[in-house]
PDB file of N, CA and C in Angstrom:
ATOM      1  N   MET A   1      97.532 109.960  88.750  1.00  0.00           N
ATOM      2  CA  MET A   1      98.710 109.150  88.800  1.00  0.00           C
ATOM      3  C   MET A   1      98.967 108.735  90.228  1.00  0.00           C
ATOM      4  N   SER A   2      99.519 107.483  90.394  1.00  0.00           N
ATOM      5  CA  SER A   2      99.906 107.115  91.720  1.00  0.00           C
ATOM      6  C   SER A   2     101.206 107.797  92.112  1.00  0.00           C
ATOM      7  N   GLU A   3     101.541 107.685  93.392  1.00  0.00           N
ATOM      8  CA  GLU A   3     102.740 108.383  93.872  1.00  0.00           C
ATOM      9  C   GLU A   3     104.001 107.887  93.201  1.00  0.00           C
ATOM     10  N   SER A   4     104.091 106.569  92.951  1.00  0.00           N
ATOM     11  CA  SER A   4     105.291 106.022  92.327  1.00  0.00           C
ATOM     12  C   SER A   4     105.367 106.456  90.877  1.00  0.00           C
ATOM     13  N   GLU A   5     104.256 106.541  90.179  1.00  0.00           N
ATOM     14  CA  GLU A   5     104.253 107.040  88.792  1.00  0.00           C
ATOM     15  C   GLU A   5     104.618 108.453  88.702  1.00  0.00           C
ATOM     16  N   HIS A   6     104.166 109.294  89.709  1.00  0.00           N
ATOM     17  CA  HIS A   6     104.509 110.666  89.767  1.00  0.00           C
ATOM     18  C   HIS A   6     106.013 110.854  89.996  1.00  0.00           C
ATOM     19  N   THR A   7     106.581 110.030  90.819  1.00  0.00           N
ATOM     20  CA  THR A   7     107.988 110.079  91.077  1.00  0.00           C
ATOM     21  C   THR A   7     108.831 109.720  89.821  1.00  0.00           C
ATOM     22  N   LYS A   8     108.384 108.626  89.150  1.00  0.00           N
ATOM     23  CA  LYS A   8     109.068 108.212  87.913  1.00  0.00           C
ATOM     24  C   LYS A   8     108.995 109.354  86.852  1.00  0.00           C
ATOM     25  N   LEU A   9     107.828 110.000  86.760  1.00  0.00           N
ATOM     26  CA  LEU A   9     107.648 111.072  85.798  1.00  0.00           C
ATOM     27  C   LEU A   9     108.615 112.230  86.096  1.00  0.00           C
ATOM     28  N   LYS A  10     108.697 112.587  87.368  1.00  0.00           N
ATOM     29  CA  LYS A  10     109.635 113.704  87.750  1.00  0.00           C
ATOM     30  C   LYS A  10     111.083 113.294  87.442  1.00  0.00           C
ATOM     31  N   SER A  11     111.495 112.086  87.630  1.00  0.00           N
ATOM     32  CA  SER A  11     112.845 111.719  87.347  1.00  0.00           C
ATOM     33  C   SER A  11     113.099 111.742  85.809  1.00  0.00           C
ATOM     34  N   VAL A  12     112.139 111.312  85.019  1.00  0.00           N
ATOM     35  CA  VAL A  12     112.271 111.375  83.536  1.00  0.00           C
ATOM     36  C   VAL A  12     112.452 112.799  83.094  1.00  0.00           C
ATOM     37  N   LEU A  13     111.487 113.679  83.607  1.00  0.00           N
ATOM     38  CA  LEU A  13     111.464 115.064  83.191  1.00  0.00           C
ATOM     39  C   LEU A  13     112.805 115.784  83.666  1.00  0.00           C
ATOM     40  N   ALA A  14     113.296 115.388  84.797  1.00  0.00           N
ATOM     41  CA  ALA A  14     114.575 116.030  85.254  1.00  0.00           C
ATOM     42  C   ALA A  14     115.767 115.704  84.429  1.00  0.00           C
ATOM     43  N   GLY A  15     115.675 114.489  83.740  1.00  0.00           N
ATOM     44  CA  GLY A  15     116.751 114.081  82.815  1.00  0.00           C
ATOM     45  C   GLY A  15     116.684 114.650  81.453  1.00  0.00           C
ATOM     46  N   CYS A  16     115.537 115.192  81.059  1.00  0.00           N
ATOM     47  CA  CYS A  16     115.334 115.705  79.745  1.00  0.00           C
ATOM     48  C   CYS A  16     114.638 117.070  79.786  1.00  0.00           C
ATOM     49  N   PRO A  17     115.376 118.185  79.695  1.00  0.00           N
ATOM     50  CA  PRO A  17     114.763 119.504  79.819  1.00  0.00           C
ATOM     51  C   PRO A  17     113.798 119.828  78.703  1.00  0.00           C
ATOM     52  N   GLU A  18     114.030 119.252  77.485  1.00  0.00           N
ATOM     53  CA  GLU A  18     113.098 119.478  76.361  1.00  0.00           C
ATOM     54  C   GLU A  18     111.763 118.812  76.597  1.00  0.00           C
ATOM     55  N   LEU A  19     111.786 117.614  77.187  1.00  0.00           N
ATOM     56  CA  LEU A  19     110.562 116.994  77.527  1.00  0.00           C
ATOM     57  C   LEU A  19     109.787 117.673  78.650  1.00  0.00           C
ATOM     58  N   ASP A  20     110.580 118.276  79.600  1.00  0.00           N
ATOM     59  CA  ASP A  20     109.981 119.013  80.720  1.00  0.00           C
ATOM     60  C   ASP A  20     109.271 120.251  80.154  1.00  0.00           C
ATOM     61  N   ALA A  21     109.898 120.935  79.212  1.00  0.00           N
ATOM     62  CA  ALA A  21     109.343 122.113  78.583  1.00  0.00           C
ATOM     63  C   ALA A  21     108.095 121.755  77.796  1.00  0.00           C
ATOM     64  N   LEU A  22     108.176 120.663  77.022  1.00  0.00           N
ATOM     65  CA  LEU A  22     107.071 120.234  76.259  1.00  0.00           C
ATOM     66  C   LEU A  22     105.832 119.834  77.130  1.00  0.00           C
ATOM     67  N   THR A  23     106.064 119.212  78.237  1.00  0.00           N
ATOM     68  CA  THR A  23     105.078 118.848  79.134  1.00  0.00           C
ATOM     69  C   THR A  23     104.360 120.062  79.749  1.00  0.00           C
ATOM     70  N   GLY A  24     105.169 121.068  80.056  1.00  0.00           N
ATOM     71  CA  GLY A  24     104.566 122.337  80.519  1.00  0.00           C
ATOM     72  C   GLY A  24     103.714 123.039  79.533  1.00  0.00           C
ATOM     73  N   HIS A  25     104.164 123.052  78.268  1.00  0.00           N
ATOM     74  CA  HIS A  25     103.370 123.722  77.248  1.00  0.00           C
ATOM     75  C   HIS A  25     102.083 122.954  76.953  1.00  0.00           C
ATOM     76  N   VAL A  26     102.130 121.652  76.916  1.00  0.00           N
ATOM     77  CA  VAL A  26     100.962 120.800  76.651  1.00  0.00           C
ATOM     78  C   VAL A  26      99.968 121.054  77.779  1.00  0.00           C
ATOM     79  N   HIS A  27     100.393 121.032  79.041  1.00  0.00           N
ATOM     80  CA  HIS A  27      99.523 121.254  80.205  1.00  0.00           C
ATOM     81  C   HIS A  27      98.888 122.682  80.105  1.00  0.00           C
ATOM     82  N   ALA A  28      99.642 123.666  79.712  1.00  0.00           N
ATOM     83  CA  ALA A  28      99.136 125.009  79.598  1.00  0.00           C
ATOM     84  C   ALA A  28      98.085 125.086  78.532  1.00  0.00           C
ATOM     85  N   PHE A  29      98.332 124.431  77.394  1.00  0.00           N
ATOM     86  CA  PHE A  29      97.381 124.418  76.299  1.00  0.00           C
ATOM     87  C   PHE A  29      96.106 123.677  76.758  1.00  0.00           C
ATOM     88  N   GLY A  30      96.221 122.560  77.469  1.00  0.00           N
ATOM     89  CA  GLY A  30      95.107 121.857  77.944  1.00  0.00           C
ATOM     90  C   GLY A  30      94.277 122.682  78.865  1.00  0.00           C
ATOM     91  N   LYS A  31      94.904 123.447  79.715  1.00  0.00           N
ATOM     92  CA  LYS A  31      94.210 124.368  80.609  1.00  0.00           C
ATOM     93  C   LYS A  31      93.453 125.408  79.888  1.00  0.00           C
ATOM     94  N   MET A  32      93.996 125.980  78.854  1.00  0.00           N
ATOM     95  CA  MET A  32      93.327 126.942  78.014  1.00  0.00           C
ATOM     96  C   MET A  32      92.126 126.287  77.380  1.00  0.00           C
ATOM     97  N   LEU A  33      92.298 125.097  76.926  1.00  0.00           N
ATOM     98  CA  LEU A  33      91.225 124.399  76.246  1.00  0.00           C
ATOM     99  C   LEU A  33      90.053 124.030  77.152  1.00  0.00           C
ATOM    100  N   THR A  34      90.332 123.544  78.305  1.00  0.00           N
ATOM    101  CA  THR A  34      89.243 123.123  79.218  1.00  0.00           C
ATOM    102  C   THR A  34      88.639 124.250  80.012  1.00  0.00           C
ATOM    103  N   GLN A  35      89.406 125.291  80.236  1.00  0.00           N
ATOM    104  CA  GLN A  35      88.836 126.410  81.013  1.00  0.00           C
ATOM    105  C   GLN A  35      88.501 127.660  80.198  1.00  0.00           C
ATOM    106  N   LEU A  36      88.469 127.508  78.861  1.00  0.00           N
ATOM    107  CA  LEU A  36      88.122 128.549  77.914  1.00  0.00           C
ATOM    108  C   LEU A  36      88.903 129.830  78.190  1.00  0.00           C
ATOM    109  N   GLN A  37      90.205 129.733  78.130  1.00  0.00           N
ATOM    110  CA  GLN A  37      91.103 130.869  78.335  1.00  0.00           C
ATOM    111  C   GLN A  37      91.830 131.238  77.058  1.00  0.00           C
ATOM    112  N   GLY A  38      91.083 131.492  75.980  1.00  0.00           N
ATOM    113  CA  GLY A  38      91.708 131.789  74.683  1.00  0.00           C
ATOM    114  C   GLY A  38      92.471 133.094  74.629  1.00  0.00           C
ATOM    115  N   ASP A  39      92.157 133.965  75.649  1.00  0.00           N
ATOM    116  CA  ASP A  39      92.949 135.188  75.642  1.00  0.00           C
ATOM    117  C   ASP A  39      94.401 134.973  76.046  1.00  0.00           C
ATOM    118  N   GLN A  40      94.778 133.844  76.535  1.00  0.00           N
ATOM    119  CA  GLN A  40      96.160 133.515  76.872  1.00  0.00           C
ATOM    120  C   GLN A  40      96.898 132.881  75.763  1.00  0.00           C
ATOM    121  N   LEU A  41      96.232 132.697  74.608  1.00  0.00           N
ATOM    122  CA  LEU A  41      96.930 131.990  73.461  1.00  0.00           C
ATOM    123  C   LEU A  41      98.148 132.746  72.959  1.00  0.00           C
ATOM    124  N   PRO A  42      98.091 134.046  72.703  1.00  0.00           N
ATOM    125  CA  PRO A  42      99.298 134.770  72.223  1.00  0.00           C
ATOM    126  C   PRO A  42     100.500 134.618  73.168  1.00  0.00           C
ATOM    127  N   ARG A  43     100.258 134.599  74.480  1.00  0.00           N
ATOM    128  CA  ARG A  43     101.343 134.419  75.402  1.00  0.00           C
ATOM    129  C   ARG A  43     101.892 132.991  75.396  1.00  0.00           C
ATOM    130  N   TRP A  44     100.989 132.014  75.188  1.00  0.00           N
ATOM    131  CA  TRP A  44     101.380 130.633  75.097  1.00  0.00           C
ATOM    132  C   TRP A  44     102.248 130.440  73.807  1.00  0.00           C
ATOM    133  N   ILE A  45     101.786 131.010  72.716  1.00  0.00           N
ATOM    134  CA  ILE A  45     102.585 130.921  71.443  1.00  0.00           C
ATOM    135  C   ILE A  45     103.991 131.486  71.626  1.00  0.00           C
ATOM    136  N   LYS A  46     104.061 132.652  72.291  1.00  0.00           N
ATOM    137  CA  LYS A  46     105.371 133.299  72.479  1.00  0.00           C
ATOM    138  C   LYS A  46     106.266 132.419  73.391  1.00  0.00           C
ATOM    139  N   ALA A  47     105.685 131.773  74.376  1.00  0.00           N
ATOM    140  CA  ALA A  47     106.469 130.847  75.236  1.00  0.00           C
ATOM    141  C   ALA A  47     106.981 129.657  74.475  1.00  0.00           C
ATOM    142  N   VAL A  48     106.105 129.127  73.560  1.00  0.00           N
ATOM    143  CA  VAL A  48     106.520 127.977  72.758  1.00  0.00           C
ATOM    144  C   VAL A  48     107.644 128.332  71.829  1.00  0.00           C
ATOM    145  N   ARG A  49     107.497 129.525  71.224  1.00  0.00           N
ATOM    146  CA  ARG A  49     108.551 129.961  70.243  1.00  0.00           C
ATOM    147  C   ARG A  49     109.887 130.190  71.018  1.00  0.00           C
ATOM    148  N   ALA A  50     109.880 130.471  72.252  1.00  0.00           N
ATOM    149  CA  ALA A  50     111.138 130.692  73.012  1.00  0.00           C
ATOM    150  C   ALA A  50     111.945 129.407  73.285  1.00  0.00           C
ATOM    151  N   ASP A  51     111.242 128.301  73.202  1.00  0.00           N
ATOM    152  CA  ASP A  51     111.904 126.982  73.374  1.00  0.00           C
ATOM    153  C   ASP A  51     112.255 126.339  72.089  1.00  0.00           C
ATOM    154  N   ASP A  52     113.271 125.446  72.113  1.00  0.00           N
ATOM    155  CA  ASP A  52     113.659 124.737  70.924  1.00  0.00           C
ATOM    156  C   ASP A  52     112.903 123.460  70.827  1.00  0.00           C
ATOM    157  N   LEU A  53     111.655 123.540  70.400  1.00  0.00           N
ATOM    158  CA  LEU A  53     110.786 122.349  70.210  1.00  0.00           C
ATOM    159  C   LEU A  53     110.177 122.374  68.803  1.00  0.00           C
ATOM    160  N   PRO A  54     110.913 121.800  67.788  1.00  0.00           N
ATOM    161  CA  PRO A  54     110.493 121.952  66.416  1.00  0.00           C
ATOM    162  C   PRO A  54     109.083 121.393  66.143  1.00  0.00           C
ATOM    163  N   THR A  55     108.752 120.251  66.780  1.00  0.00           N
ATOM    164  CA  THR A  55     107.403 119.671  66.481  1.00  0.00           C
ATOM    165  C   THR A  55     106.303 120.508  67.048  1.00  0.00           C
ATOM    166  N   LEU A  56     106.533 121.108  68.196  1.00  0.00           N
ATOM    167  CA  LEU A  56     105.549 122.057  68.764  1.00  0.00           C
ATOM    168  C   LEU A  56     105.476 123.374  68.000  1.00  0.00           C
ATOM    169  N   HIS A  57     106.568 123.789  67.353  1.00  0.00           N
ATOM    170  CA  HIS A  57     106.578 124.911  66.502  1.00  0.00           C
ATOM    171  C   HIS A  57     105.685 124.675  65.301  1.00  0.00           C
ATOM    172  N   THR A  58     105.708 123.492  64.784  1.00  0.00           N
ATOM    173  CA  THR A  58     104.836 123.064  63.618  1.00  0.00           C
ATOM    174  C   THR A  58     103.400 123.192  64.020  1.00  0.00           C
ATOM    175  N   PHE A  59     103.050 122.750  65.214  1.00  0.00           N
ATOM    176  CA  PHE A  59     101.639 122.921  65.685  1.00  0.00           C
ATOM    177  C   PHE A  59     101.304 124.386  65.821  1.00  0.00           C
ATOM    178  N   VAL A  60     102.196 125.179  66.369  1.00  0.00           N
ATOM    179  CA  VAL A  60     101.960 126.640  66.508  1.00  0.00           C
ATOM    180  C   VAL A  60     101.766 127.228  65.175  1.00  0.00           C
ATOM    181  N   ASN A  61     102.560 126.891  64.180  1.00  0.00           N
ATOM    182  CA  ASN A  61     102.376 127.416  62.832  1.00  0.00           C
ATOM    183  C   ASN A  61     100.954 127.177  62.270  1.00  0.00           C
ATOM    184  N   GLY A  62     100.454 125.928  62.590  1.00  0.00           N
ATOM    185  CA  GLY A  62      99.094 125.645  62.143  1.00  0.00           C
ATOM    186  C   GLY A  62      98.066 126.478  62.846  1.00  0.00           C
ATOM    187  N   VAL A  63      98.274 126.707  64.167  1.00  0.00           N
ATOM    188  CA  VAL A  63      97.377 127.512  64.966  1.00  0.00           C
ATOM    189  C   VAL A  63      97.403 128.995  64.444  1.00  0.00           C
ATOM    190  N   GLU A  64      98.516 129.450  64.089  1.00  0.00           N
ATOM    191  CA  GLU A  64      98.630 130.858  63.658  1.00  0.00           C
ATOM    192  C   GLU A  64      98.055 131.083  62.293  1.00  0.00           C
ATOM    193  N   ARG A  65      97.904 130.031  61.525  1.00  0.00           N
ATOM    194  CA  ARG A  65      97.252 130.206  60.188  1.00  0.00           C
ATOM    195  C   ARG A  65      95.860 130.692  60.316  1.00  0.00           C
ATOM    196  N   ASP A  66      95.114 130.243  61.367  1.00  0.00           N
ATOM    197  CA  ASP A  66      93.782 130.673  61.582  1.00  0.00           C
ATOM    198  C   ASP A  66      93.624 131.041  63.043  1.00  0.00           C
ATOM    199  N   LEU A  67      94.389 132.001  63.471  1.00  0.00           N
ATOM    200  CA  LEU A  67      94.413 132.433  64.869  1.00  0.00           C
ATOM    201  C   LEU A  67      93.086 132.860  65.404  1.00  0.00           C
ATOM    202  N   ALA A  68      92.362 133.627  64.629  1.00  0.00           N
ATOM    203  CA  ALA A  68      91.070 134.145  65.077  1.00  0.00           C
ATOM    204  C   ALA A  68      90.077 132.972  65.428  1.00  0.00           C
ATOM    205  N   ALA A  69      90.049 131.976  64.522  1.00  0.00           N
ATOM    206  CA  ALA A  69      89.206 130.849  64.748  1.00  0.00           C
ATOM    207  C   ALA A  69      89.578 130.004  65.972  1.00  0.00           C
ATOM    208  N   VAL A  70      90.926 129.800  66.171  1.00  0.00           N
ATOM    209  CA  VAL A  70      91.392 129.079  67.282  1.00  0.00           C
ATOM    210  C   VAL A  70      91.124 129.837  68.589  1.00  0.00           C
ATOM    211  N   THR A  71      91.322 131.130  68.539  1.00  0.00           N
ATOM    212  CA  THR A  71      91.054 131.910  69.719  1.00  0.00           C
ATOM    213  C   THR A  71      89.578 131.838  70.085  1.00  0.00           C
ATOM    214  N   ALA A  72      88.694 131.967  69.121  1.00  0.00           N
ATOM    215  CA  ALA A  72      87.305 131.847  69.341  1.00  0.00           C
ATOM    216  C   ALA A  72      86.923 130.550  69.923  1.00  0.00           C
ATOM    217  N   GLY A  73      87.540 129.462  69.396  1.00  0.00           N
ATOM    218  CA  GLY A  73      87.254 128.136  69.888  1.00  0.00           C
ATOM    219  C   GLY A  73      87.688 127.867  71.279  1.00  0.00           C
ATOM    220  N   LEU A  74      88.801 128.590  71.702  1.00  0.00           N
ATOM    221  CA  LEU A  74      89.307 128.480  73.030  1.00  0.00           C
ATOM    222  C   LEU A  74      88.602 129.438  74.011  1.00  0.00           C
ATOM    223  N   THR A  75      87.786 130.311  73.536  1.00  0.00           N
ATOM    224  CA  THR A  75      87.167 131.364  74.393  1.00  0.00           C
ATOM    225  C   THR A  75      85.665 131.176  74.501  1.00  0.00           C
ATOM    226  N   LEU A  76      85.011 130.918  73.396  1.00  0.00           N
ATOM    227  CA  LEU A  76      83.555 130.905  73.390  1.00  0.00           C
ATOM    228  C   LEU A  76      83.028 129.591  73.902  1.00  0.00           C
ATOM    229  N   PRO A  77      81.848 129.606  74.556  1.00  0.00           N
ATOM    230  CA  PRO A  77      81.295 128.340  75.093  1.00  0.00           C
ATOM    231  C   PRO A  77      80.632 127.470  74.019  1.00  0.00           C
ATOM    232  N   TRP A  78      80.383 127.930  72.825  1.00  0.00           N
ATOM    233  CA  TRP A  78      79.722 127.150  71.856  1.00  0.00           C
ATOM    234  C   TRP A  78      80.643 126.162  71.133  1.00  0.00           C
ATOM    235  N   SER A  79      80.170 125.036  70.712  1.00  0.00           N
ATOM    236  CA  SER A  79      80.946 124.014  70.077  1.00  0.00           C
ATOM    237  C   SER A  79      80.113 123.353  68.998  1.00  0.00           C
ATOM    238  N   SER A  80      80.772 122.972  67.887  1.00  0.00           N
ATOM    239  CA  SER A  80      80.064 122.314  66.852  1.00  0.00           C
ATOM    240  C   SER A  80      80.419 120.781  66.940  1.00  0.00           C
ATOM    241  N   GLY A  81      80.860 120.356  68.071  1.00  0.00           N
ATOM    242  CA  GLY A  81      81.269 118.956  68.281  1.00  0.00           C
ATOM    243  C   GLY A  81      80.110 117.945  68.075  1.00  0.00           C
ATOM    244  N   ILE A  82      78.953 118.294  68.511  1.00  0.00           N
ATOM    245  CA  ILE A  82      77.796 117.331  68.288  1.00  0.00           C
ATOM    246  C   ILE A  82      77.462 117.259  66.859  1.00  0.00           C
ATOM    247  N   VAL A  83      77.444 118.358  66.115  1.00  0.00           N
ATOM    248  CA  VAL A  83      77.162 118.333  64.681  1.00  0.00           C
ATOM    249  C   VAL A  83      78.231 117.513  63.977  1.00  0.00           C
ATOM    250  N   GLU A  84      79.460 117.772  64.336  1.00  0.00           N
ATOM    251  CA  GLU A  84      80.578 116.996  63.681  1.00  0.00           C
ATOM    252  C   GLU A  84      80.434 115.551  63.941  1.00  0.00           C
ATOM    253  N   GLY A  85      79.977 115.148  65.180  1.00  0.00           N
ATOM    254  CA  GLY A  85      79.757 113.741  65.449  1.00  0.00           C
ATOM    255  C   GLY A  85      78.687 113.112  64.567  1.00  0.00           C
ATOM    256  N   HIS A  86      77.615 113.900  64.345  1.00  0.00           N
ATOM    257  CA  HIS A  86      76.538 113.362  63.504  1.00  0.00           C
ATOM    258  C   HIS A  86      77.039 113.194  62.055  1.00  0.00           C
ATOM    259  N   VAL A  87      77.751 114.193  61.538  1.00  0.00           N
ATOM    260  CA  VAL A  87      78.300 114.166  60.226  1.00  0.00           C
ATOM    261  C   VAL A  87      79.198 112.951  60.032  1.00  0.00           C
ATOM    262  N   ASN A  88      80.079 112.686  61.052  1.00  0.00           N
ATOM    263  CA  ASN A  88      81.003 111.520  61.019  1.00  0.00           C
ATOM    264  C   ASN A  88      80.180 110.220  60.995  1.00  0.00           C
ATOM    265  N   ARG A  89      79.100 110.144  61.758  1.00  0.00           N
ATOM    266  CA  ARG A  89      78.262 108.953  61.811  1.00  0.00           C
ATOM    267  C   ARG A  89      77.591 108.687  60.420  1.00  0.00           C
ATOM    268  N   ILE A  90      77.104 109.772  59.819  1.00  0.00           N
ATOM    269  CA  ILE A  90      76.431 109.599  58.485  1.00  0.00           C
ATOM    270  C   ILE A  90      77.481 109.175  57.465  1.00  0.00           C
ATOM    271  N   LYS A  91      78.667 109.733  57.539  1.00  0.00           N
ATOM    272  CA  LYS A  91      79.713 109.321  56.589  1.00  0.00           C
ATOM    273  C   LYS A  91      80.075 107.859  56.744  1.00  0.00           C
ATOM    274  N   MET A  92      80.097 107.398  57.958  1.00  0.00           N
ATOM    275  CA  MET A  92      80.373 105.994  58.204  1.00  0.00           C
ATOM    276  C   MET A  92      79.301 105.054  57.616  1.00  0.00           C
ATOM    277  N   ILE A  93      78.062 105.440  57.788  1.00  0.00           N
ATOM    278  CA  ILE A  93      76.957 104.666  57.215  1.00  0.00           C
ATOM    279  C   ILE A  93      77.079 104.648  55.709  1.00  0.00           C
ATOM    280  N   LYS A  94      77.388 105.812  55.116  1.00  0.00           N
ATOM    281  CA  LYS A  94      77.542 105.939  53.675  1.00  0.00           C
ATOM    282  C   LYS A  94      78.628 105.001  53.166  1.00  0.00           C
ATOM    283  N   ARG A  95      79.787 104.987  53.886  1.00  0.00           N
ATOM    284  CA  ARG A  95      80.917 104.168  53.466  1.00  0.00           C
ATOM    285  C   ARG A  95      80.565 102.698  53.560  1.00  0.00           C
ATOM    286  N   GLN A  96      79.733 102.336  54.521  1.00  0.00           N
ATOM    287  CA  GLN A  96      79.324 100.943  54.659  1.00  0.00           C
ATOM    288  C   GLN A  96      78.559 100.444  53.502  1.00  0.00           C
ATOM    289  N   MET A  97      77.893 101.379  52.774  1.00  0.00           N
ATOM    290  CA  MET A  97      77.108 100.979  51.603  1.00  0.00           C
ATOM    291  C   MET A  97      77.934 100.991  50.347  1.00  0.00           C
ATOM    292  N   TYR A  98      79.170 101.328  50.399  1.00  0.00           N
ATOM    293  CA  TYR A  98      80.145 101.300  49.246  1.00  0.00           C
ATOM    294  C   TYR A  98      79.605 102.020  48.032  1.00  0.00           C
ATOM    295  N   GLY A  99      78.799 103.077  48.186  1.00  0.00           N
ATOM    296  CA  GLY A  99      78.347 103.862  47.080  1.00  0.00           C
ATOM    297  C   GLY A  99      77.336 103.167  46.155  1.00  0.00           C
ATOM    298  N   ARG A 100      76.847 102.042  46.565  1.00  0.00           N
ATOM    299  CA  ARG A 100      75.954 101.281  45.686  1.00  0.00           C
ATOM    300  C   ARG A 100      74.463 101.659  45.875  1.00  0.00           C
ATOM    301  N   ALA A 101      74.150 102.415  46.828  1.00  0.00           N
ATOM    302  CA  ALA A 101      72.732 102.651  47.145  1.00  0.00           C
ATOM    303  C   ALA A 101      72.406 104.130  46.850  1.00  0.00           C
ATOM    304  N   SER A 102      71.153 104.381  46.727  1.00  0.00           N
ATOM    305  CA  SER A 102      70.656 105.671  46.441  1.00  0.00           C
ATOM    306  C   SER A 102      70.572 106.546  47.665  1.00  0.00           C
ATOM    307  N   PHE A 103      70.307 107.815  47.473  1.00  0.00           N
ATOM    308  CA  PHE A 103      70.109 108.733  48.621  1.00  0.00           C
ATOM    309  C   PHE A 103      68.959 108.313  49.511  1.00  0.00           C
ATOM    310  N   SER A 104      67.892 107.805  48.904  1.00  0.00           N
ATOM    311  CA  SER A 104      66.726 107.417  49.731  1.00  0.00           C
ATOM    312  C   SER A 104      67.035 106.306  50.731  1.00  0.00           C
ATOM    313  N   LEU A 105      67.864 105.332  50.309  1.00  0.00           N
ATOM    314  CA  LEU A 105      68.337 104.246  51.192  1.00  0.00           C
ATOM    315  C   LEU A 105      69.222 104.820  52.309  1.00  0.00           C
ATOM    316  N   LEU A 106      70.114 105.728  51.951  1.00  0.00           N
ATOM    317  CA  LEU A 106      70.938 106.346  52.968  1.00  0.00           C
ATOM    318  C   LEU A 106      70.128 107.092  53.948  1.00  0.00           C
ATOM    319  N   ARG A 107      69.092 107.792  53.491  1.00  0.00           N
ATOM    320  CA  ARG A 107      68.164 108.523  54.390  1.00  0.00           C
ATOM    321  C   ARG A 107      67.473 107.564  55.307  1.00  0.00           C
ATOM    322  N   LYS A 108      67.004 106.468  54.801  1.00  0.00           N
ATOM    323  CA  LYS A 108      66.299 105.475  55.684  1.00  0.00           C
ATOM    324  C   LYS A 108      67.234 104.889  56.677  1.00  0.00           C
ATOM    325  N   ARG A 109      68.494 104.588  56.318  1.00  0.00           N
ATOM    326  CA  ARG A 109      69.409 103.984  57.248  1.00  0.00           C
ATOM    327  C   ARG A 109      69.822 104.996  58.342  1.00  0.00           C
ATOM    328  N   VAL A 110      69.956 106.270  57.960  1.00  0.00           N
ATOM    329  CA  VAL A 110      70.273 107.327  58.915  1.00  0.00           C
ATOM    330  C   VAL A 110      69.150 107.444  59.969  1.00  0.00           C
ATOM    331  N   LEU A 111      67.940 107.560  59.420  1.00  0.00           N
ATOM    332  CA  LEU A 111      66.754 107.736  60.292  1.00  0.00           C
ATOM    333  C   LEU A 111      66.486 106.571  61.209  1.00  0.00           C
ATOM    334  N   LEU A 112      66.817 105.389  60.706  1.00  0.00           N
ATOM    335  CA  LEU A 112      66.526 104.191  61.541  1.00  0.00           C
ATOM    336  C   LEU A 112      67.685 103.774  62.475  1.00  0.00           C
ATOM    337  N   ALA A 113      68.794 104.408  62.226  1.00  0.00           N
ATOM    338  CA  ALA A 113      70.029 104.045  63.054  1.00  0.00           C
ATOM    339  C   ALA A 113      69.852 104.592  64.450  1.00  0.00           C
TER     340      ALA A 113
END
């Protein structure tokens, strides 16, 4: 961000403590995500629960439903992102055919794409 944008952001965050807290939690989660610091997830959840941010509490409830998987995803270096991208691409090709073609045509389109 430019210096003027940073100054504007500081003034907005100073006027709204909830938005300031939300920004801090989002930055902390982003840091965990990019630096693979899943061991900090329970501390982050506790900090989010301490603030009155209902929408972020909803997100935390979803994370807690499968805490082990989220912790592994935030800790381990492996990712299924590439596989998910290929699955998404194949589904898009299949949708383009509107279900009118056979599996053999889908196979040919996927291999030639």
